[in-house]
């Protein structure tokens, strides 16, 4: 409470305790909105920057000015695996002759959405059993939305025209990789921030990150690099390991790495759940320790100290908390002791018992 008035958060909490059913409806409605926006961002990024659909422009433009076809940037995780399987299907159909290619051309626009959904099913089971049921449900909703939107965007001419503009005026491959990384990272991180995911390897990365109390991005990046290497091998067979097409593929692979690192950076920048900080509080109120224990779900270490300038007795409270808890803890300390000296030090890793709020 500030200046005798309740803050908006306090008013909302007071109202929510009296309207639990409506609170749950608003909470789930908000999560559904975040899921839908995240799915739109990812699907839009996929169809504009990662894998624009050449058929969207008919026969007008199918190659750049040196004659190399529109090149795919390989995504990571399940979307990247789906791209790999789609490429494998193309390789199989090509070996089956005209009938095989006729089948592939008829099914091409539906291949990725179907594969993306099917490959996420076993990961949904992992999320349900190993992370949390609410996490799994909203992850599934997001996956369904991405599958539908990536199919619908194929019919939207605007997506390919935007791809052309970015490629020609926004730095070519680098522009595509950068914007795709920012948007994909934003979609994944926004989901992580509200305790669900965009599906795919985000589930696996989140699963391991929770158990190792470390950042999520590096797990995602490691999985994605393997996906890129596999895609490169398949592309080599498609292009018989020679020609301008293979050069374009290698270039695409290089910029795919740029895309992955940008996405991982954005994810770790926004997703602070797995980041820890050390909080050192120098206070003249020893009772502040008990107040913090009642409000913060973390232990602390107390050290008796003496001020070097004043010679007054002080208590140093040392705590390790998650980054997203810093603001609330600092406000609590300043409310009880406005003269407290607070030091916040980022940590790369912690070992031992550290409480994290369970994911529902």
Protein backbone atom coordinates (compact mmCIF):
# COMPACT_ATOMS: atom_id res chain seq x y z
CA UNK A 1 0.00 0.00 0.00
CA UNK A 2 1.39 3.42 -0.99
CA UNK A 3 0.33 6.74 0.63
CA UNK A 4 -2.65 4.99 2.26
CA UNK A 5 -4.08 3.94 -1.08
CA UNK A 6 -4.31 0.50 -2.55
CA UNK A 7 -2.38 -0.07 -5.75
CA UNK A 8 -4.14 -1.47 -8.80
CA UNK A 9 -2.54 -4.89 -8.19
CA UNK A 10 -3.77 -4.96 -4.60
CA UNK A 11 -7.27 -3.98 -5.69
CA UNK A 12 -7.28 -6.70 -8.34
CA UNK A 13 -6.09 -9.35 -5.87
CA UNK A 14 -8.75 -8.32 -3.39
CA UNK A 15 -11.43 -8.51 -6.10
CA UNK A 16 -10.09 -11.82 -7.44
CA UNK A 17 -10.32 -13.54 -4.04
CA UNK A 18 -14.02 -12.71 -4.01
CA UNK A 19 -14.70 -13.79 -7.63
CA UNK A 20 -12.62 -16.92 -8.10
CA UNK A 21 -14.60 -18.32 -11.06
CA UNK A 22 -14.50 -15.05 -13.00
CA UNK A 23 -10.82 -14.71 -12.12
CA UNK A 24 -10.14 -18.12 -13.68
CA UNK A 25 -12.13 -17.19 -16.82
CA UNK A 26 -10.17 -13.95 -17.24
CA UNK A 27 -6.90 -15.76 -16.65
CA UNK A 28 -7.59 -18.43 -19.25
CA UNK A 29 -8.98 -15.87 -21.68
CA UNK A 30 -5.78 -13.85 -21.37
CA UNK A 31 -3.64 -16.95 -21.93
CA UNK A 32 -5.69 -17.85 -25.02
CA UNK A 33 -5.14 -14.35 -26.40
CA UNK A 34 -1.38 -14.54 -25.77
CA UNK A 35 -1.30 -18.00 -27.38
CA UNK A 36 -3.16 -16.77 -30.46
CA UNK A 37 -0.95 -13.70 -30.90
CA UNK A 38 2.18 -15.85 -30.46
CA UNK A 39 0.91 -18.39 -33.00
CA UNK A 40 0.17 -15.59 -35.48
CA UNK A 41 3.67 -14.11 -35.04
CA UNK A 42 5.38 -17.48 -35.51
CA UNK A 43 3.27 -18.54 -38.52
CA UNK A 44 3.68 -15.11 -40.12
CA UNK A 45 7.45 -15.21 -39.58
CA UNK A 46 7.61 -18.74 -41.01
CA UNK A 47 5.73 -17.90 -44.21
CA UNK A 48 7.36 -14.49 -44.77
CA UNK A 49 10.99 -15.08 -43.78
CA UNK A 50 11.73 -18.78 -43.32
CA UNK A 51 9.77 -20.63 -45.99
CA UNK A 52 7.85 -18.31 -48.32
CA UNK A 53 5.54 -20.21 -50.65
CA UNK A 54 6.76 -19.86 -54.23
CA UNK A 55 3.36 -20.81 -55.64
CA UNK A 56 1.87 -17.71 -54.04
CA UNK A 57 3.25 -15.64 -56.92
CA UNK A 58 2.42 -18.10 -59.69
CA UNK A 59 4.88 -18.11 -62.57
CA UNK A 60 5.83 -14.43 -62.26
CA UNK A 61 8.97 -14.74 -60.16
CA UNK A 62 10.53 -18.03 -59.10
CA UNK A 63 14.19 -17.02 -59.04
CA UNK A 64 16.33 -14.08 -58.09
CA UNK A 65 18.39 -12.19 -60.64
CA UNK A 66 21.16 -14.82 -60.76
CA UNK A 67 18.69 -17.61 -61.37
CA UNK A 68 18.77 -19.28 -57.95
CA UNK A 69 15.30 -20.38 -56.69
CA UNK A 70 13.79 -18.82 -53.59
CA UNK A 71 15.84 -20.31 -50.76
CA UNK A 72 14.47 -21.63 -47.49
CA UNK A 73 15.98 -20.64 -44.15
CA UNK A 74 15.87 -23.70 -41.93
CA UNK A 75 13.86 -23.31 -38.78
CA UNK A 76 14.69 -25.16 -35.59
CA UNK A 77 12.92 -27.70 -33.45
CA UNK A 78 9.82 -29.47 -34.68
CA UNK A 79 9.23 -26.89 -37.42
CA UNK A 80 12.74 -27.61 -38.69
CA UNK A 81 12.18 -31.36 -38.43
CA UNK A 82 8.94 -30.88 -40.38
CA UNK A 83 10.92 -29.06 -43.06
CA UNK A 84 13.34 -31.98 -43.14
CA UNK A 85 10.58 -34.55 -43.50
CA UNK A 86 8.92 -32.49 -46.23
CA UNK A 87 12.26 -32.45 -48.06
CA UNK A 88 12.61 -36.20 -47.55
CA UNK A 89 9.11 -36.66 -49.01
CA UNK A 90 10.16 -34.60 -52.04
CA UNK A 91 13.22 -36.82 -52.50
CA UNK A 92 11.09 -39.98 -52.34
CA UNK A 93 8.42 -38.61 -54.70
CA UNK A 94 11.02 -37.48 -57.21
CA UNK A 95 12.40 -41.01 -57.37
CA UNK A 96 8.87 -42.30 -58.05
CA UNK A 97 8.70 -40.33 -61.30
CA UNK A 98 5.84 -38.23 -62.64
CA UNK A 99 3.20 -39.89 -60.48
CA UNK A 100 5.22 -39.23 -57.33
CA UNK A 101 5.81 -35.59 -58.22
CA UNK A 102 2.15 -35.11 -59.07
CA UNK A 103 1.28 -36.39 -55.59
CA UNK A 104 3.87 -34.13 -53.96
CA UNK A 105 2.76 -31.02 -55.85
CA UNK A 106 -0.82 -31.66 -54.81
CA UNK A 107 0.04 -32.18 -51.15
CA UNK A 108 2.93 -29.73 -50.73
CA UNK A 109 1.04 -26.88 -49.06
CA UNK A 110 -0.48 -29.26 -46.50
CA UNK A 111 2.68 -31.23 -45.69
CA UNK A 112 4.24 -28.82 -43.20
CA UNK A 113 1.07 -28.05 -41.14
CA UNK A 114 0.23 -31.76 -40.85
CA UNK A 115 3.77 -32.81 -39.92
CA UNK A 116 4.09 -29.95 -37.44
CA UNK A 117 0.93 -31.04 -35.61
CA UNK A 118 1.66 -34.79 -35.67
CA UNK A 119 5.24 -34.41 -34.41
CA UNK A 120 4.04 -32.32 -31.49
CA UNK A 121 1.69 -35.01 -30.17
CA UNK A 122 4.33 -37.06 -28.26
CA UNK A 123 5.84 -33.82 -26.94
CA UNK A 124 2.42 -32.80 -25.69
CA UNK A 125 2.41 -36.02 -23.61
CA UNK A 126 5.81 -35.06 -22.15
CA UNK A 127 4.45 -31.62 -21.28
CA UNK A 128 1.33 -33.10 -19.66
CA UNK A 129 3.27 -35.56 -17.50
CA UNK A 130 6.54 -33.74 -16.88
CA UNK A 131 5.78 -30.02 -16.77
CA UNK A 132 2.15 -29.12 -16.06
CA UNK A 133 -1.38 -29.73 -17.32
CA UNK A 134 -2.27 -26.10 -17.98
CA UNK A 135 1.10 -25.70 -19.69
CA UNK A 136 0.30 -28.69 -21.92
CA UNK A 137 -3.24 -27.56 -22.80
CA UNK A 138 -2.25 -24.07 -23.91
CA UNK A 139 0.78 -25.46 -25.71
CA UNK A 140 -1.56 -27.74 -27.67
CA UNK A 141 -3.83 -24.79 -28.47
CA UNK A 142 -0.83 -22.87 -29.77
CA UNK A 143 0.32 -25.80 -31.92
CA UNK A 144 -3.14 -26.16 -33.49
CA UNK A 145 -3.23 -22.43 -34.23
CA UNK A 146 0.24 -22.49 -35.82
CA UNK A 147 -0.70 -25.48 -37.99
CA UNK A 148 -3.85 -23.72 -39.24
CA UNK A 149 -2.24 -20.32 -39.75
CA UNK A 150 0.81 -21.60 -41.66
CA UNK A 151 -1.62 -23.25 -44.08
CA UNK A 152 -3.83 -20.16 -44.40
CA UNK A 153 -0.90 -17.81 -44.98
CA UNK A 154 -0.01 -19.76 -48.11
CA UNK A 155 -3.13 -18.27 -49.69
CA UNK A 156 -2.25 -14.74 -48.57
CA UNK A 157 -0.35 -12.97 -51.34
CA UNK A 158 0.78 -10.26 -48.91
CA UNK A 159 3.19 -12.62 -47.14
CA UNK A 160 5.23 -13.34 -50.27
CA UNK A 161 5.21 -9.72 -51.39
CA UNK A 162 6.56 -8.70 -47.99
CA UNK A 163 9.23 -11.39 -48.31
CA UNK A 164 10.25 -9.91 -51.68
CA UNK A 165 10.47 -6.40 -50.22
CA UNK A 166 12.57 -7.48 -47.22
CA UNK A 167 14.86 -9.56 -49.44
CA UNK A 168 15.42 -6.74 -51.93
CA UNK A 169 15.51 -3.74 -49.57
CA UNK A 170 16.17 -5.14 -46.12
CA UNK A 171 19.54 -6.85 -46.47
CA UNK A 172 18.68 -10.03 -48.36
CA UNK A 173 19.34 -13.23 -46.47
CA UNK A 174 20.59 -11.36 -43.41
CA UNK A 175 17.40 -9.30 -43.23
CA UNK A 176 15.29 -12.45 -43.46
CA UNK A 177 17.35 -14.25 -40.80
CA UNK A 178 17.33 -11.27 -38.43
CA UNK A 179 13.60 -10.54 -38.64
CA UNK A 180 12.73 -14.24 -38.43
CA UNK A 181 14.90 -14.63 -35.34
CA UNK A 182 13.36 -11.62 -33.60
CA UNK A 183 9.77 -12.67 -34.35
CA UNK A 184 10.27 -16.36 -33.58
CA UNK A 185 12.13 -15.54 -30.37
CA UNK A 186 9.38 -13.10 -29.40
CA UNK A 187 6.69 -15.73 -29.99
CA UNK A 188 8.53 -18.37 -27.94
CA UNK A 189 9.55 -16.01 -25.13
CA UNK A 190 6.06 -14.57 -24.74
CA UNK A 191 4.74 -18.11 -24.34
CA UNK A 192 7.47 -18.95 -21.80
CA UNK A 193 6.68 -15.78 -19.86
CA UNK A 194 3.11 -16.96 -19.31
CA UNK A 195 4.09 -20.56 -18.52
CA UNK A 196 3.28 -22.39 -21.74
CA UNK A 197 5.19 -22.88 -24.99
CA UNK A 198 4.95 -22.83 -28.77
CA UNK A 199 5.35 -26.58 -28.78
CA UNK A 200 8.11 -28.56 -30.42
CA UNK A 201 11.56 -28.48 -28.93
CA UNK A 202 10.52 -25.54 -26.76
CA UNK A 203 8.86 -28.21 -24.59
CA UNK A 204 12.06 -30.26 -24.40
CA UNK A 205 14.19 -27.18 -23.73
CA UNK A 206 11.81 -25.99 -21.03
CA UNK A 207 11.71 -29.46 -19.46
CA UNK A 208 15.50 -29.62 -19.08
CA UNK A 209 15.91 -25.96 -18.17
CA UNK A 210 13.52 -26.35 -15.24
CA UNK A 211 15.53 -29.26 -13.90
CA UNK A 212 18.93 -27.65 -14.39
CA UNK A 213 17.88 -24.12 -13.33
CA UNK A 214 19.62 -22.53 -16.27
CA UNK A 215 18.75 -20.58 -19.44
CA UNK A 216 16.49 -22.07 -22.10
CA UNK A 217 18.07 -20.67 -25.26
CA UNK A 218 21.21 -22.81 -25.29
CA UNK A 219 19.22 -26.06 -25.21
CA UNK A 220 17.08 -24.91 -28.11
CA UNK A 221 20.16 -23.85 -30.09
CA UNK A 222 21.91 -27.20 -29.66
CA UNK A 223 18.87 -29.13 -30.90
CA UNK A 224 18.43 -26.77 -33.82
CA UNK A 225 22.00 -27.10 -35.07
CA UNK A 226 21.49 -30.85 -35.48
CA UNK A 227 18.31 -30.12 -37.45
CA UNK A 228 20.19 -27.76 -39.77
CA UNK A 229 22.93 -30.30 -40.45
CA UNK A 230 20.37 -32.95 -41.37
CA UNK A 231 18.61 -30.52 -43.69
CA UNK A 232 21.92 -29.76 -45.41
CA UNK A 233 22.53 -33.44 -46.11
CA UNK A 234 19.05 -33.94 -47.54
CA UNK A 235 19.41 -30.84 -49.69
CA UNK A 236 22.68 -32.23 -51.02
CA UNK A 237 20.88 -35.33 -52.29
CA UNK A 238 18.13 -33.19 -53.82
CA UNK A 239 20.71 -31.14 -55.75
CA UNK A 240 23.10 -34.03 -56.47
CA UNK A 241 25.77 -32.17 -54.48
CA UNK A 242 26.59 -29.69 -57.24
CA UNK A 243 25.33 -26.63 -59.08
CA UNK A 244 24.14 -23.17 -58.11
CA UNK A 245 21.32 -24.70 -56.10
CA UNK A 246 23.79 -26.27 -53.67
CA UNK A 247 25.64 -22.99 -53.25
CA UNK A 248 22.35 -21.29 -52.39
CA UNK A 249 21.55 -24.03 -49.88
CA UNK A 250 24.89 -23.63 -48.11
CA UNK A 251 24.26 -19.89 -47.99
CA UNK A 252 20.83 -20.55 -46.54
CA UNK A 253 22.36 -22.80 -43.89
CA UNK A 254 24.82 -20.09 -42.85
CA UNK A 255 22.06 -17.54 -42.43
CA UNK A 256 19.95 -20.14 -40.64
CA UNK A 257 22.61 -20.14 -37.93
CA UNK A 258 22.24 -16.35 -37.68
CA UNK A 259 18.50 -16.83 -37.32
CA UNK A 260 18.92 -19.38 -34.52
CA UNK A 261 21.29 -17.23 -32.50
CA UNK A 262 19.06 -14.17 -32.81
CA UNK A 263 16.04 -16.23 -31.72
CA UNK A 264 17.96 -17.71 -28.75
CA UNK A 265 19.13 -14.24 -27.68
CA UNK A 266 15.59 -12.85 -27.76
CA UNK A 267 14.25 -15.85 -25.81
CA UNK A 268 16.83 -15.54 -23.04
CA UNK A 269 16.48 -11.75 -22.93
CA UNK A 270 12.72 -11.90 -22.34
CA UNK A 271 12.39 -15.20 -20.47
CA UNK A 272 13.74 -14.37 -17.00
CA UNK A 273 12.15 -17.27 -15.16
CA UNK A 274 15.36 -19.32 -15.25
CA UNK A 275 17.71 -16.42 -14.51
CA UNK A 276 18.91 -15.99 -10.94
CA UNK A 277 20.31 -13.01 -9.08
CA UNK A 278 21.97 -12.57 -5.71
CA UNK A 279 20.36 -9.92 -3.54
CA UNK A 280 22.40 -8.31 -0.75
CA UNK A 281 20.43 -6.05 1.56
CA UNK A 282 22.20 -3.90 4.15
CA UNK A 283 19.64 -2.77 6.73
CA UNK A 284 19.38 -1.32 10.22
CA UNK A 285 16.22 -3.41 10.80
CA UNK A 286 17.06 -7.02 11.79
CA UNK A 287 13.32 -7.82 11.75
CA UNK A 288 13.30 -7.21 7.96
CA UNK A 289 14.56 -10.79 7.60
CA UNK A 290 11.36 -12.24 9.09
CA UNK A 291 9.18 -9.98 6.94
CA UNK A 292 10.94 -11.20 3.78
CA UNK A 293 10.60 -14.83 4.86
CA UNK A 294 6.84 -14.35 5.06
CA UNK A 295 6.63 -12.79 1.58
CA UNK A 296 9.39 -14.43 -0.47
CA UNK A 297 9.66 -18.24 -0.97
CA UNK A 298 13.46 -18.31 -0.63
CA UNK A 299 15.91 -18.78 2.21
CA UNK A 300 18.47 -16.20 3.29
CA UNK A 301 21.77 -15.81 5.08
CA UNK A 302 22.21 -13.18 7.80
CA UNK A 303 25.49 -11.53 8.71
CA UNK A 304 25.97 -9.01 11.52
CA UNK A 305 27.98 -6.04 10.31
CA UNK A 306 29.16 -2.58 11.34
CA UNK A 307 28.97 0.50 9.11
CA UNK A 308 32.46 1.62 8.17
CA UNK A 309 31.55 5.30 8.18
CA UNK A 310 28.96 5.51 10.96
CA UNK A 311 30.05 2.60 13.13
CA UNK A 312 26.37 1.68 13.49
CA UNK A 313 25.22 -1.93 13.66
CA UNK A 314 23.82 -3.35 10.45
CA UNK A 315 22.41 -6.65 9.22
CA UNK A 316 23.36 -7.99 5.80
CA UNK A 317 20.66 -10.22 4.26
CA UNK A 318 21.82 -12.34 1.33
CA UNK A 319 19.23 -14.06 -0.89
CA UNK A 320 19.16 -15.78 -4.27
CA UNK A 321 15.95 -15.11 -6.18
CA UNK A 322 14.67 -15.31 -9.75
CA UNK A 323 15.05 -12.23 -11.94
CA UNK A 324 11.31 -11.75 -12.26
CA UNK A 325 11.05 -11.47 -8.45
CA UNK A 326 13.55 -8.61 -8.11
CA UNK A 327 11.10 -5.72 -8.44
CA UNK A 328 8.62 -7.09 -5.93
CA UNK A 329 11.33 -7.89 -3.35
CA UNK A 330 13.01 -4.49 -3.73
CA UNK A 331 9.66 -2.71 -3.31
CA UNK A 332 8.96 -4.75 -0.17
CA UNK A 333 12.38 -3.87 1.29
CA UNK A 334 12.04 -0.16 0.48
CA UNK A 335 8.54 -0.10 1.95
CA UNK A 336 9.82 -1.46 5.29
CA UNK A 337 13.22 0.26 5.31
CA UNK A 338 13.57 3.20 2.87
CA UNK A 339 17.23 3.61 3.90
CA UNK A 340 18.25 0.03 3.09
CA UNK A 341 21.17 -0.45 0.69
CA UNK A 342 20.38 -3.11 -1.93
CA UNK A 343 22.83 -4.79 -4.28
CA UNK A 344 21.65 -6.99 -7.20
CA UNK A 345 24.22 -9.31 -8.81
CA UNK A 346 23.33 -11.53 -11.82
CA UNK A 347 24.29 -15.22 -11.50
CA UNK A 348 25.16 -17.61 -14.30
CA UNK A 349 24.27 -20.76 -12.34
CA UNK A 350 23.24 -21.93 -8.87
CA UNK A 351 23.68 -25.32 -7.22
CA UNK A 352 21.72 -26.77 -4.35
CA UNK A 353 18.08 -26.36 -3.45
CA UNK A 354 16.35 -23.42 -5.08
CA UNK A 355 12.59 -23.05 -5.01
CA UNK A 356 10.80 -22.26 -8.25
CA UNK A 357 7.08 -21.68 -8.48
CA UNK A 358 5.57 -24.87 -9.97
CA UNK A 359 4.07 -24.65 -13.46
CA UNK A 360 0.43 -25.65 -13.62
